[in-house]
Amino acid sequence: MNQWLLLAGGGVAGTFLRYLVARWVPTFAGAEFPYGTLAVNLSACLLLGIFESMAEVRALLGPQARILLMTGFCGAYSTFSTWMLETSSLVGDGELLRALANLFGSAIAGFVLFRLGAFLGAII
């Protein structure tokens, strides 16, 4: 199957599931904390870890399945999981300082830039 169709199909499924989970979780967990987003991000990490192991360790997922499940589905479901995969790869490569820079740099810089964007959006 065409890799673009796999990517799109996985992306559509991931997008819909993200929306459903993010809307469903607060109905029982409450709305005073972003539990829906937390559930999406954590479940995406679990899924991407499973898929990565199935692909790399057990050789059960080929290139097309990786495009569908890892890039398409997990990428649309939550990029947080990709952030964790890349950070884990840095740790696995012995690049602990780069892994920490990726963790803290992305979180802190992302927050600062979000706030800057919100400020700019309000004055433009």
PDB file of N, CA and C in Angstrom:
ATOM      1  N   MET A   1       0.844  -1.187   0.000  1.00  0.00           N
ATOM      2  CA  MET A   1       0.000   0.000   0.000  1.00  0.00           C
ATOM      3  C   MET A   1       0.885   1.244   0.000  1.00  0.00           C
ATOM      4  N   ASN A   2       0.432   2.254  -0.604  1.00  0.00           N
ATOM      5  CA  ASN A   2       1.163   3.510  -0.685  1.00  0.00           C
ATOM      6  C   ASN A   2       1.450   4.057   0.711  1.00  0.00           C
ATOM      7  N   GLN A   3       2.696   4.461   0.941  1.00  0.00           N
ATOM      8  CA  GLN A   3       3.079   4.960   2.265  1.00  0.00           C
ATOM      9  C   GLN A   3       2.290   6.192   2.677  1.00  0.00           C
ATOM     10  N   TRP A   4       1.870   6.999   1.714  1.00  0.00           N
ATOM     11  CA  TRP A   4       1.100   8.198   2.045  1.00  0.00           C
ATOM     12  C   TRP A   4      -0.288   7.837   2.553  1.00  0.00           C
ATOM     13  N   LEU A   5      -0.875   6.791   1.982  1.00  0.00           N
ATOM     14  CA  LEU A   5      -2.185   6.339   2.455  1.00  0.00           C
ATOM     15  C   LEU A   5      -2.086   5.734   3.852  1.00  0.00           C
ATOM     16  N   LEU A   6      -1.008   5.002   4.102  1.00  0.00           N
ATOM     17  CA  LEU A   6      -0.785   4.446   5.437  1.00  0.00           C
ATOM     18  C   LEU A   6      -0.621   5.567   6.457  1.00  0.00           C
ATOM     19  N   LEU A   7       0.174   6.545   6.097  1.00  0.00           N
ATOM     20  CA  LEU A   7       0.410   7.686   6.981  1.00  0.00           C
ATOM     21  C   LEU A   7      -0.903   8.424   7.263  1.00  0.00           C
ATOM     22  N   ALA A   8      -1.664   8.682   6.214  1.00  0.00           N
ATOM     23  CA  ALA A   8      -2.939   9.395   6.372  1.00  0.00           C
ATOM     24  C   ALA A   8      -3.937   8.578   7.178  1.00  0.00           C
ATOM     25  N   GLY A   9      -4.035   7.296   6.898  1.00  0.00           N
ATOM     26  CA  GLY A   9      -4.968   6.438   7.629  1.00  0.00           C
ATOM     27  C   GLY A   9      -4.631   6.375   9.108  1.00  0.00           C
ATOM     28  N   GLY A  10      -3.360   6.190   9.414  1.00  0.00           N
ATOM     29  CA  GLY A  10      -2.937   6.177  10.805  1.00  0.00           C
ATOM     30  C   GLY A  10      -3.172   7.522  11.466  1.00  0.00           C
ATOM     31  N   GLY A  11      -2.912   8.590  10.721  1.00  0.00           N
ATOM     32  CA  GLY A  11      -3.106   9.935  11.254  1.00  0.00           C
ATOM     33  C   GLY A  11      -4.562  10.237  11.573  1.00  0.00           C
ATOM     34  N   VAL A  12      -5.448   9.831  10.689  1.00  0.00           N
ATOM     35  CA  VAL A  12      -6.879  10.053  10.935  1.00  0.00           C
ATOM     36  C   VAL A  12      -7.325   9.275  12.169  1.00  0.00           C
ATOM     37  N   ALA A  13      -6.920   8.018  12.264  1.00  0.00           N
ATOM     38  CA  ALA A  13      -7.301   7.203  13.422  1.00  0.00           C
ATOM     39  C   ALA A  13      -6.742   7.791  14.717  1.00  0.00           C
ATOM     40  N   GLY A  14      -5.484   8.214  14.688  1.00  0.00           N
ATOM     41  CA  GLY A  14      -4.872   8.807  15.878  1.00  0.00           C
ATOM     42  C   GLY A  14      -5.543  10.102  16.292  1.00  0.00           C
ATOM     43  N   THR A  15      -5.906  10.912  15.320  1.00  0.00           N
ATOM     44  CA  THR A  15      -6.576  12.179  15.599  1.00  0.00           C
ATOM     45  C   THR A  15      -7.928  11.946  16.252  1.00  0.00           C
ATOM     46  N   PHE A  16      -8.708  11.025  15.694  1.00  0.00           N
ATOM     47  CA  PHE A  16     -10.017  10.734  16.265  1.00  0.00           C
ATOM     48  C   PHE A  16      -9.900  10.155  17.672  1.00  0.00           C
ATOM     49  N   LEU A  17      -8.961   9.244  17.874  1.00  0.00           N
ATOM     50  CA  LEU A  17      -8.816   8.651  19.201  1.00  0.00           C
ATOM     51  C   LEU A  17      -8.358   9.689  20.220  1.00  0.00           C
ATOM     52  N   ARG A  18      -7.458  10.565  19.800  1.00  0.00           N
ATOM     53  CA  ARG A  18      -7.016  11.630  20.707  1.00  0.00           C
ATOM     54  C   ARG A  18      -8.206  12.464  21.169  1.00  0.00           C
ATOM     55  N   TYR A  19      -9.040  12.842  20.236  1.00  0.00           N
ATOM     56  CA  TYR A  19     -10.219  13.645  20.561  1.00  0.00           C
ATOM     57  C   TYR A  19     -11.141  12.893  21.515  1.00  0.00           C
ATOM     58  N   LEU A  20     -11.398  11.637  21.221  1.00  0.00           N
ATOM     59  CA  LEU A  20     -12.306  10.845  22.054  1.00  0.00           C
ATOM     60  C   LEU A  20     -11.763  10.652  23.469  1.00  0.00           C
ATOM     61  N   VAL A  21     -10.501  10.284  23.588  1.00  0.00           N
ATOM     62  CA  VAL A  21      -9.907  10.058  24.906  1.00  0.00           C
ATOM     63  C   VAL A  21      -9.859  11.366  25.701  1.00  0.00           C
ATOM     64  N   ALA A  22      -9.429  12.439  25.052  1.00  0.00           N
ATOM     65  CA  ALA A  22      -9.326  13.731  25.735  1.00  0.00           C
ATOM     66  C   ALA A  22     -10.690  14.239  26.206  1.00  0.00           C
ATOM     67  N   ARG A  23     -11.749  13.856  25.525  1.00  0.00           N
ATOM     68  CA  ARG A  23     -13.099  14.265  25.924  1.00  0.00           C
ATOM     69  C   ARG A  23     -13.708  13.315  26.956  1.00  0.00           C
ATOM     70  N   TRP A  24     -13.367  12.021  26.859  1.00  0.00           N
ATOM     71  CA  TRP A  24     -13.961  10.998  27.709  1.00  0.00           C
ATOM     72  C   TRP A  24     -13.367  10.986  29.116  1.00  0.00           C
ATOM     73  N   VAL A  25     -12.048  11.074  29.236  1.00  0.00           N
ATOM     74  CA  VAL A  25     -11.380  10.953  30.534  1.00  0.00           C
ATOM     75  C   VAL A  25     -11.892  11.979  31.550  1.00  0.00           C
ATOM     76  N   PRO A  26     -12.044  13.251  31.202  1.00  0.00           N
ATOM     77  CA  PRO A  26     -12.534  14.219  32.201  1.00  0.00           C
ATOM     78  C   PRO A  26     -13.943  13.927  32.711  1.00  0.00           C
ATOM     79  N   THR A  27     -14.718  13.129  31.991  1.00  0.00           N
ATOM     80  CA  THR A  27     -16.074  12.833  32.469  1.00  0.00           C
ATOM     81  C   THR A  27     -16.059  12.018  33.749  1.00  0.00           C
ATOM     82  N   PHE A  28     -14.982  11.273  33.990  1.00  0.00           N
ATOM     83  CA  PHE A  28     -14.899  10.529  35.247  1.00  0.00           C
ATOM     84  C   PHE A  28     -13.720  10.973  36.115  1.00  0.00           C
ATOM     85  N   ALA A  29     -12.727  11.622  35.521  1.00  0.00           N
ATOM     86  CA  ALA A  29     -11.558  12.049  36.301  1.00  0.00           C
ATOM     87  C   ALA A  29     -11.687  13.486  36.803  1.00  0.00           C
ATOM     88  N   GLY A  30     -12.567  14.254  36.191  1.00  0.00           N
ATOM     89  CA  GLY A  30     -12.741  15.649  36.584  1.00  0.00           C
ATOM     90  C   GLY A  30     -12.070  16.590  35.609  1.00  0.00           C
ATOM     91  N   ALA A  31     -12.459  17.849  35.693  1.00  0.00           N
ATOM     92  CA  ALA A  31     -11.962  18.853  34.758  1.00  0.00           C
ATOM     93  C   ALA A  31     -11.028  19.862  35.419  1.00  0.00           C
ATOM     94  N   GLU A  32     -10.671  19.636  36.693  1.00  0.00           N
ATOM     95  CA  GLU A  32      -9.813  20.594  37.386  1.00  0.00           C
ATOM     96  C   GLU A  32      -8.345  20.449  37.036  1.00  0.00           C
ATOM     97  N   PHE A  33      -8.020  19.440  36.252  1.00  0.00           N
ATOM     98  CA  PHE A  33      -6.648  19.166  35.801  1.00  0.00           C
ATOM     99  C   PHE A  33      -6.770  18.591  34.399  1.00  0.00           C
ATOM    100  N   PRO A  34      -5.794  18.818  33.517  1.00  0.00           N
ATOM    101  CA  PRO A  34      -5.911  18.294  32.145  1.00  0.00           C
ATOM    102  C   PRO A  34      -5.681  16.774  32.065  1.00  0.00           C
ATOM    103  N   TYR A  35      -6.567  16.022  32.743  1.00  0.00           N
ATOM    104  CA  TYR A  35      -6.440  14.566  32.782  1.00  0.00           C
ATOM    105  C   TYR A  35      -6.551  13.934  31.391  1.00  0.00           C
ATOM    106  N   GLY A  36      -7.370  14.505  30.536  1.00  0.00           N
ATOM    107  CA  GLY A  36      -7.529  13.954  29.193  1.00  0.00           C
ATOM    108  C   GLY A  36      -6.229  13.990  28.409  1.00  0.00           C
ATOM    109  N   THR A  37      -5.568  15.130  28.439  1.00  0.00           N
ATOM    110  CA  THR A  37      -4.285  15.274  27.745  1.00  0.00           C
ATOM    111  C   THR A  37      -3.235  14.378  28.379  1.00  0.00           C
ATOM    112  N   LEU A  38      -3.234  14.309  29.696  1.00  0.00           N
ATOM    113  CA  LEU A  38      -2.296  13.426  30.381  1.00  0.00           C
ATOM    114  C   LEU A  38      -2.527  11.975  29.968  1.00  0.00           C
ATOM    115  N   ALA A  39      -3.772  11.557  29.913  1.00  0.00           N
ATOM    116  CA  ALA A  39      -4.082  10.183  29.503  1.00  0.00           C
ATOM    117  C   ALA A  39      -3.630   9.914  28.069  1.00  0.00           C
ATOM    118  N   VAL A  40      -3.848  10.873  27.189  1.00  0.00           N
ATOM    119  CA  VAL A  40      -3.403  10.723  25.795  1.00  0.00           C
ATOM    120  C   VAL A  40      -1.887  10.605  25.747  1.00  0.00           C
ATOM    121  N   ASN A  41      -1.190  11.523  26.392  1.00  0.00           N
ATOM    122  CA  ASN A  41       0.270  11.516  26.326  1.00  0.00           C
ATOM    123  C   ASN A  41       0.870  10.242  26.909  1.00  0.00           C
ATOM    124  N   LEU A  42       0.372   9.809  28.050  1.00  0.00           N
ATOM    125  CA  LEU A  42       0.924   8.616  28.680  1.00  0.00           C
ATOM    126  C   LEU A  42       0.579   7.347  27.909  1.00  0.00           C
ATOM    127  N   SER A  43      -0.650   7.249  27.423  1.00  0.00           N
ATOM    128  CA  SER A  43      -1.006   6.065  26.644  1.00  0.00           C
ATOM    129  C   SER A  43      -0.254   6.029  25.320  1.00  0.00           C
ATOM    130  N   ALA A  44       0.012   7.185  24.744  1.00  0.00           N
ATOM    131  CA  ALA A  44       0.803   7.235  23.510  1.00  0.00           C
ATOM    132  C   ALA A  44       2.222   6.744  23.757  1.00  0.00           C
ATOM    133  N   CYS A  45       2.787   7.109  24.895  1.00  0.00           N
ATOM    134  CA  CYS A  45       4.127   6.620  25.237  1.00  0.00           C
ATOM    135  C   CYS A  45       4.129   5.102  25.364  1.00  0.00           C
ATOM    136  N   LEU A  46       3.116   4.566  26.025  1.00  0.00           N
ATOM    137  CA  LEU A  46       3.014   3.117  26.166  1.00  0.00           C
ATOM    138  C   LEU A  46       2.901   2.450  24.795  1.00  0.00           C
ATOM    139  N   LEU A  47       2.003   2.951  23.963  1.00  0.00           N
ATOM    140  CA  LEU A  47       1.811   2.370  22.631  1.00  0.00           C
ATOM    141  C   LEU A  47       3.073   2.463  21.777  1.00  0.00           C
ATOM    142  N   LEU A  48       3.704   3.620  21.767  1.00  0.00           N
ATOM    143  CA  LEU A  48       4.895   3.775  20.941  1.00  0.00           C
ATOM    144  C   LEU A  48       6.019   2.880  21.445  1.00  0.00           C
ATOM    145  N   GLY A  49       6.125   2.708  22.752  1.00  0.00           N
ATOM    146  CA  GLY A  49       7.113   1.787  23.304  1.00  0.00           C
ATOM    147  C   GLY A  49       6.854   0.354  22.866  1.00  0.00           C
ATOM    148  N   ILE A  50       5.588  -0.045  22.884  1.00  0.00           N
ATOM    149  CA  ILE A  50       5.222  -1.389  22.422  1.00  0.00           C
ATOM    150  C   ILE A  50       5.563  -1.546  20.950  1.00  0.00           C
ATOM    151  N   PHE A  51       5.150  -0.583  20.133  1.00  0.00           N
ATOM    152  CA  PHE A  51       5.408  -0.669  18.695  1.00  0.00           C
ATOM    153  C   PHE A  51       6.900  -0.682  18.381  1.00  0.00           C
ATOM    154  N   GLU A  52       7.663   0.151  19.072  1.00  0.00           N
ATOM    155  CA  GLU A  52       9.109   0.213  18.846  1.00  0.00           C
ATOM    156  C   GLU A  52       9.756  -1.130  19.168  1.00  0.00           C
ATOM    157  N   SER A  53       9.366  -1.716  20.278  1.00  0.00           N
ATOM    158  CA  SER A  53       9.916  -3.014  20.654  1.00  0.00           C
ATOM    159  C   SER A  53       9.494  -4.092  19.666  1.00  0.00           C
ATOM    160  N   MET A  54       8.251  -4.045  19.229  1.00  0.00           N
ATOM    161  CA  MET A  54       7.781  -5.020  18.244  1.00  0.00           C
ATOM    162  C   MET A  54       8.539  -4.885  16.929  1.00  0.00           C
ATOM    163  N   ALA A  55       8.919  -3.666  16.587  1.00  0.00           N
ATOM    164  CA  ALA A  55       9.644  -3.435  15.332  1.00  0.00           C
ATOM    165  C   ALA A  55      11.125  -3.767  15.466  1.00  0.00           C
ATOM    166  N   GLU A  56      11.760  -3.266  16.514  1.00  0.00           N
ATOM    167  CA  GLU A  56      13.214  -3.367  16.639  1.00  0.00           C
ATOM    168  C   GLU A  56      13.697  -4.644  17.319  1.00  0.00           C
ATOM    169  N   VAL A  57      13.019  -5.049  18.378  1.00  0.00           N
ATOM    170  CA  VAL A  57      13.482  -6.200  19.163  1.00  0.00           C
ATOM    171  C   VAL A  57      12.947  -7.505  18.592  1.00  0.00           C
ATOM    172  N   ARG A  58      11.666  -7.526  18.250  1.00  0.00           N
ATOM    173  CA  ARG A  58      11.036  -8.764  17.823  1.00  0.00           C
ATOM    174  C   ARG A  58      10.872  -8.862  16.310  1.00  0.00           C
ATOM    175  N   ALA A  59      11.138  -7.786  15.592  1.00  0.00           N
ATOM    176  CA  ALA A  59      11.011  -7.749  14.123  1.00  0.00           C
ATOM    177  C   ALA A  59       9.625  -8.183  13.649  1.00  0.00           C
ATOM    178  N   LEU A  60       8.602  -7.750  14.373  1.00  0.00           N
ATOM    179  CA  LEU A  60       7.226  -8.091  14.018  1.00  0.00           C
ATOM    180  C   LEU A  60       6.545  -7.008  13.185  1.00  0.00           C
ATOM    181  N   LEU A  61       7.094  -5.816  13.185  1.00  0.00           N
ATOM    182  CA  LEU A  61       6.523  -4.725  12.401  1.00  0.00           C
ATOM    183  C   LEU A  61       7.509  -4.312  11.318  1.00  0.00           C
ATOM    184  N   GLY A  62       7.064  -4.378  10.090  1.00  0.00           N
ATOM    185  CA  GLY A  62       7.893  -3.951   8.972  1.00  0.00           C
ATOM    186  C   GLY A  62       7.748  -2.465   8.726  1.00  0.00           C
ATOM    187  N   PRO A  63       8.384  -1.985   7.671  1.00  0.00           N
ATOM    188  CA  PRO A  63       8.349  -0.541   7.372  1.00  0.00           C
ATOM    189  C   PRO A  63       6.944   0.017   7.186  1.00  0.00           C
ATOM    190  N   GLN A  64       6.072  -0.724   6.525  1.00  0.00           N
ATOM    191  CA  GLN A  64       4.718  -0.206   6.313  1.00  0.00           C
ATOM    192  C   GLN A  64       3.930  -0.123   7.616  1.00  0.00           C
ATOM    193  N   ALA A  65       4.072  -1.126   8.464  1.00  0.00           N
ATOM    194  CA  ALA A  65       3.377  -1.100   9.753  1.00  0.00           C
ATOM    195  C   ALA A  65       3.918   0.027  10.630  1.00  0.00           C
ATOM    196  N   ARG A  66       5.215   0.282  10.535  1.00  0.00           N
ATOM    197  CA  ARG A  66       5.801   1.392  11.303  1.00  0.00           C
ATOM    198  C   ARG A  66       5.225   2.728  10.845  1.00  0.00           C
ATOM    199  N   ILE A  67       5.091   2.909   9.539  1.00  0.00           N
ATOM    200  CA  ILE A  67       4.509   4.151   9.015  1.00  0.00           C
ATOM    201  C   ILE A  67       3.077   4.303   9.509  1.00  0.00           C
ATOM    202  N   LEU A  68       2.298   3.230   9.421  1.00  0.00           N
ATOM    203  CA  LEU A  68       0.900   3.271   9.835  1.00  0.00           C
ATOM    204  C   LEU A  68       0.754   3.520  11.334  1.00  0.00           C
ATOM    205  N   LEU A  69       1.438   2.710  12.142  1.00  0.00           N
ATOM    206  CA  LEU A  69       1.224   2.732  13.581  1.00  0.00           C
ATOM    207  C   LEU A  69       2.066   3.767  14.320  1.00  0.00           C
ATOM    208  N   MET A  70       3.345   3.832  13.993  1.00  0.00           N
ATOM    209  CA  MET A  70       4.246   4.696  14.756  1.00  0.00           C
ATOM    210  C   MET A  70       4.207   6.136  14.270  1.00  0.00           C
ATOM    211  N   THR A  71       4.384   6.321  12.983  1.00  0.00           N
ATOM    212  CA  THR A  71       4.418   7.685  12.453  1.00  0.00           C
ATOM    213  C   THR A  71       3.016   8.254  12.297  1.00  0.00           C
ATOM    214  N   GLY A  72       2.136   7.502  11.652  1.00  0.00           N
ATOM    215  CA  GLY A  72       0.787   8.001  11.406  1.00  0.00           C
ATOM    216  C   GLY A  72      -0.067   8.064  12.656  1.00  0.00           C
ATOM    217  N   PHE A  73      -0.336   6.880  13.241  1.00  0.00           N
ATOM    218  CA  PHE A  73      -1.241   6.829  14.380  1.00  0.00           C
ATOM    219  C   PHE A  73      -0.677   7.550  15.602  1.00  0.00           C
ATOM    220  N   CYS A  74       0.496   7.113  16.069  1.00  0.00           N
ATOM    221  CA  CYS A  74       1.055   7.725  17.285  1.00  0.00           C
ATOM    222  C   CYS A  74       1.426   9.183  17.060  1.00  0.00           C
ATOM    223  N   GLY A  75       1.893   9.515  15.863  1.00  0.00           N
ATOM    224  CA  GLY A  75       2.246  10.904  15.575  1.00  0.00           C
ATOM    225  C   GLY A  75       1.054  11.835  15.655  1.00  0.00           C
ATOM    226  N   ALA A  76      -0.100  11.357  15.200  1.00  0.00           N
ATOM    227  CA  ALA A  76      -1.306  12.180  15.279  1.00  0.00           C
ATOM    228  C   ALA A  76      -1.937  12.103  16.663  1.00  0.00           C
ATOM    229  N   TYR A  77      -1.812  10.963  17.295  1.00  0.00           N
ATOM    230  CA  TYR A  77      -2.394  10.782  18.630  1.00  0.00           C
ATOM    231  C   TYR A  77      -1.692  11.674  19.644  1.00  0.00           C
ATOM    232  N   SER A  78      -0.358  11.720  19.584  1.00  0.00           N
ATOM    233  CA  SER A  78       0.391  12.565  20.509  1.00  0.00           C
ATOM    234  C   SER A  78       1.850  12.633  20.096  1.00  0.00           C
ATOM    235  N   THR A  79       2.357  13.825  19.835  1.00  0.00           N
ATOM    236  CA  THR A  79       3.788  13.947  19.546  1.00  0.00           C
ATOM    237  C   THR A  79       4.620  13.810  20.807  1.00  0.00           C
ATOM    238  N   PHE A  80       3.977  13.842  21.961  1.00  0.00           N
ATOM    239  CA  PHE A  80       4.681  13.638  23.224  1.00  0.00           C
ATOM    240  C   PHE A  80       5.395  12.290  23.218  1.00  0.00           C
ATOM    241  N   SER A  81       4.746  11.275  22.655  1.00  0.00           N
ATOM    242  CA  SER A  81       5.355   9.948  22.622  1.00  0.00           C
ATOM    243  C   SER A  81       6.604   9.943  21.748  1.00  0.00           C
ATOM    244  N   THR A  82       6.598  10.672  20.659  1.00  0.00           N
ATOM    245  CA  THR A  82       7.780  10.765  19.798  1.00  0.00           C
ATOM    246  C   THR A  82       8.910  11.463  20.538  1.00  0.00           C
ATOM    247  N   TRP A  83       8.572  12.470  21.288  1.00  0.00           N
ATOM    248  CA  TRP A  83       9.557  13.178  22.115  1.00  0.00           C
ATOM    249  C   TRP A  83      10.223  12.196  23.076  1.00  0.00           C
ATOM    250  N   MET A  84       9.437  11.322  23.693  1.00  0.00           N
ATOM    251  CA  MET A  84       9.990  10.336  24.627  1.00  0.00           C
ATOM    252  C   MET A  84      10.831   9.293  23.901  1.00  0.00           C
ATOM    253  N   LEU A  85      10.394   8.854  22.722  1.00  0.00           N
ATOM    254  CA  LEU A  85      11.163   7.884  21.935  1.00  0.00           C
ATOM    255  C   LEU A  85      12.527   8.459  21.564  1.00  0.00           C
ATOM    256  N   GLU A  86      12.538   9.687  21.100  1.00  0.00           N
ATOM    257  CA  GLU A  86      13.797  10.322  20.717  1.00  0.00           C
ATOM    258  C   GLU A  86      14.699  10.538  21.925  1.00  0.00           C
ATOM    259  N   THR A  87      14.118  10.896  23.056  1.00  0.00           N
ATOM    260  CA  THR A  87      14.900  11.071  24.279  1.00  0.00           C
ATOM    261  C   THR A  87      15.473   9.732  24.735  1.00  0.00           C
ATOM    262  N   SER A  88      14.662   8.692  24.655  1.00  0.00           N
ATOM    263  CA  SER A  88      15.128   7.352  25.018  1.00  0.00           C
ATOM    264  C   SER A  88      16.255   6.896  24.101  1.00  0.00           C
ATOM    265  N   SER A  89      16.154   7.218  22.834  1.00  0.00           N
ATOM    266  CA  SER A  89      17.223   6.870  21.887  1.00  0.00           C
ATOM    267  C   SER A  89      18.527   7.568  22.256  1.00  0.00           C
ATOM    268  N   LEU A  90      18.430   8.820  22.667  1.00  0.00           N
ATOM    269  CA  LEU A  90      19.628   9.545  23.107  1.00  0.00           C
ATOM    270  C   LEU A  90      20.245   8.871  24.331  1.00  0.00           C
ATOM    271  N   VAL A  91      19.413   8.470  25.283  1.00  0.00           N
ATOM    272  CA  VAL A  91      19.916   7.766  26.465  1.00  0.00           C
ATOM    273  C   VAL A  91      20.569   6.455  26.048  1.00  0.00           C
ATOM    274  N   GLY A  92      19.906   5.719  25.166  1.00  0.00           N
ATOM    275  CA  GLY A  92      20.442   4.451  24.681  1.00  0.00           C
ATOM    276  C   GLY A  92      21.766   4.595  23.957  1.00  0.00           C
ATOM    277  N   ASP A  93      21.970   5.746  23.343  1.00  0.00           N
ATOM    278  CA  ASP A  93      23.228   6.028  22.640  1.00  0.00           C
ATOM    279  C   ASP A  93      24.285   6.610  23.574  1.00  0.00           C
ATOM    280  N   GLY A  94      23.983   6.666  24.866  1.00  0.00           N
ATOM    281  CA  GLY A  94      24.940   7.196  25.832  1.00  0.00           C
ATOM    282  C   GLY A  94      25.002   8.709  25.869  1.00  0.00           C
ATOM    283  N   GLU A  95      24.001   9.369  25.327  1.00  0.00           N
ATOM    284  CA  GLU A  95      23.959  10.831  25.245  1.00  0.00           C
ATOM    285  C   GLU A  95      23.033  11.391  26.325  1.00  0.00           C
ATOM    286  N   LEU A  96      23.380  11.153  27.588  1.00  0.00           N
ATOM    287  CA  LEU A  96      22.523  11.559  28.693  1.00  0.00           C
ATOM    288  C   LEU A  96      22.318  13.069  28.755  1.00  0.00           C
ATOM    289  N   LEU A  97      23.377  13.831  28.554  1.00  0.00           N
ATOM    290  CA  LEU A  97      23.227  15.292  28.602  1.00  0.00           C
ATOM    291  C   LEU A  97      22.317  15.792  27.491  1.00  0.00           C
ATOM    292  N   ARG A  98      22.434  15.215  26.308  1.00  0.00           N
ATOM    293  CA  ARG A  98      21.549  15.616  25.209  1.00  0.00           C
ATOM    294  C   ARG A  98      20.113  15.189  25.491  1.00  0.00           C
ATOM    295  N   ALA A  99      19.949  14.030  26.113  1.00  0.00           N
ATOM    296  CA  ALA A  99      18.606  13.582  26.474  1.00  0.00           C
ATOM    297  C   ALA A  99      17.969  14.556  27.469  1.00  0.00           C
ATOM    298  N   LEU A 100      18.734  14.950  28.476  1.00  0.00           N
ATOM    299  CA  LEU A 100      18.222  15.912  29.456  1.00  0.00           C
ATOM    300  C   LEU A 100      17.948  17.269  28.814  1.00  0.00           C
ATOM    301  N   ALA A 101      18.824  17.683  27.913  1.00  0.00           N
ATOM    302  CA  ALA A 101      18.602  18.946  27.197  1.00  0.00           C
ATOM    303  C   ALA A 101      17.320  18.869  26.370  1.00  0.00           C
ATOM    304  N   ASN A 102      17.074  17.708  25.757  1.00  0.00           N
ATOM    305  CA  ASN A 102      15.856  17.529  24.971  1.00  0.00           C
ATOM    306  C   ASN A 102      14.625  17.581  25.880  1.00  0.00           C
ATOM    307  N   LEU A 103      14.691  16.917  27.010  1.00  0.00           N
ATOM    308  CA  LEU A 103      13.558  16.926  27.940  1.00  0.00           C
ATOM    309  C   LEU A 103      13.262  18.323  28.463  1.00  0.00           C
ATOM    310  N   PHE A 104      14.273  18.906  29.091  1.00  0.00           N
ATOM    311  CA  PHE A 104      14.046  20.199  29.731  1.00  0.00           C
ATOM    312  C   PHE A 104      13.979  21.342  28.724  1.00  0.00           C
ATOM    313  N   GLY A 105      14.793  21.277  27.687  1.00  0.00           N
ATOM    314  CA  GLY A 105      14.770  22.318  26.672  1.00  0.00           C
ATOM    315  C   GLY A 105      13.435  22.389  25.963  1.00  0.00           C
ATOM    316  N   SER A 106      12.900  21.241  25.588  1.00  0.00           N
ATOM    317  CA  SER A 106      11.597  21.223  24.909  1.00  0.00           C
ATOM    318  C   SER A 106      10.490  21.717  25.820  1.00  0.00           C
ATOM    319  N   ALA A 107      10.496  21.258  27.058  1.00  0.00           N
ATOM    320  CA  ALA A 107       9.426  21.651  27.978  1.00  0.00           C
ATOM    321  C   ALA A 107       9.498  23.131  28.324  1.00  0.00           C
ATOM    322  N   ILE A 108      10.661  23.584  28.714  1.00  0.00           N
ATOM    323  CA  ILE A 108      10.799  24.981  29.145  1.00  0.00           C
ATOM    324  C   ILE A 108      10.708  25.931  27.960  1.00  0.00           C
ATOM    325  N   ALA A 109      11.463  25.660  26.910  1.00  0.00           N
ATOM    326  CA  ALA A 109      11.411  26.537  25.741  1.00  0.00           C
ATOM    327  C   ALA A 109      10.021  26.510  25.111  1.00  0.00           C
ATOM    328  N   GLY A 110       9.392  25.342  25.085  1.00  0.00           N
ATOM    329  CA  GLY A 110       8.040  25.245  24.541  1.00  0.00           C
ATOM    330  C   GLY A 110       7.056  26.097  25.311  1.00  0.00           C
ATOM    331  N   PHE A 111       7.167  26.064  26.617  1.00  0.00           N
ATOM    332  CA  PHE A 111       6.275  26.877  27.445  1.00  0.00           C
ATOM    333  C   PHE A 111       6.531  28.368  27.238  1.00  0.00           C
ATOM    334  N   VAL A 112       7.800  28.754  27.241  1.00  0.00           N
ATOM    335  CA  VAL A 112       8.155  30.166  27.042  1.00  0.00           C
ATOM    336  C   VAL A 112       7.670  30.649  25.672  1.00  0.00           C
ATOM    337  N   LEU A 113       7.898  29.849  24.640  1.00  0.00           N
ATOM    338  CA  LEU A 113       7.467  30.257  23.297  1.00  0.00           C
ATOM    339  C   LEU A 113       5.949  30.273  23.154  1.00  0.00           C
ATOM    340  N   PHE A 114       5.284  29.347  23.835  1.00  0.00           N
ATOM    341  CA  PHE A 114       3.824  29.392  23.832  1.00  0.00           C
ATOM    342  C   PHE A 114       3.331  30.705  24.433  1.00  0.00           C
ATOM    343  N   ARG A 115       3.888  31.069  25.574  1.00  0.00           N
ATOM    344  CA  ARG A 115       3.480  32.311  26.227  1.00  0.00           C
ATOM    345  C   ARG A 115       3.811  33.523  25.357  1.00  0.00           C
ATOM    346  N   LEU A 116       4.976  33.510  24.702  1.00  0.00           N
ATOM    347  CA  LEU A 116       5.338  34.590  23.780  1.00  0.00           C
ATOM    348  C   LEU A 116       4.336  34.663  22.637  1.00  0.00           C
ATOM    349  N   GLY A 117       3.996  33.511  22.087  1.00  0.00           N
ATOM    350  CA  GLY A 117       2.998  33.480  21.006  1.00  0.00           C
ATOM    351  C   GLY A 117       1.650  34.004  21.441  1.00  0.00           C
ATOM    352  N   ALA A 118       1.239  33.637  22.645  1.00  0.00           N
ATOM    353  CA  ALA A 118      -0.034  34.131  23.171  1.00  0.00           C
ATOM    354  C   ALA A 118       0.002  35.644  23.340  1.00  0.00           C
ATOM    355  N   PHE A 119       1.127  36.148  23.821  1.00  0.00           N
ATOM    356  CA  PHE A 119       1.285  37.599  23.966  1.00  0.00           C
ATOM    357  C   PHE A 119       1.229  38.283  22.604  1.00  0.00           C
ATOM    358  N   LEU A 120       1.992  37.751  21.639  1.00  0.00           N
ATOM    359  CA  LEU A 120       2.024  38.345  20.306  1.00  0.00           C
ATOM    360  C   LEU A 120       0.651  38.266  19.647  1.00  0.00           C
ATOM    361  N   GLY A 121      -0.032  37.133  19.826  1.00  0.00           N
ATOM    362  CA  GLY A 121      -1.360  37.005  19.252  1.00  0.00           C
ATOM    363  C   GLY A 121      -2.349  38.000  19.820  1.00  0.00           C
ATOM    364  N   ALA A 122      -2.151  38.372  21.072  1.00  0.00           N
ATOM    365  CA  ALA A 122      -3.052  39.326  21.709  1.00  0.00           C
ATOM    366  C   ALA A 122      -2.811  40.763  21.259  1.00  0.00           C
ATOM    367  N   ILE A 123      -1.603  41.081  20.806  1.00  0.00           N
ATOM    368  CA  ILE A 123      -1.313  42.462  20.430  1.00  0.00           C
ATOM    369  C   ILE A 123      -1.274  42.685  18.920  1.00  0.00           C
ATOM    370  N   ILE A 124      -1.278  41.621  18.165  1.00  0.00           N
ATOM    371  CA  ILE A 124      -1.209  41.774  16.700  1.00  0.00           C
ATOM    372  C   ILE A 124      -2.589  42.066  16.137  1.00  0.00           C
TER     373      ILE A 124
END
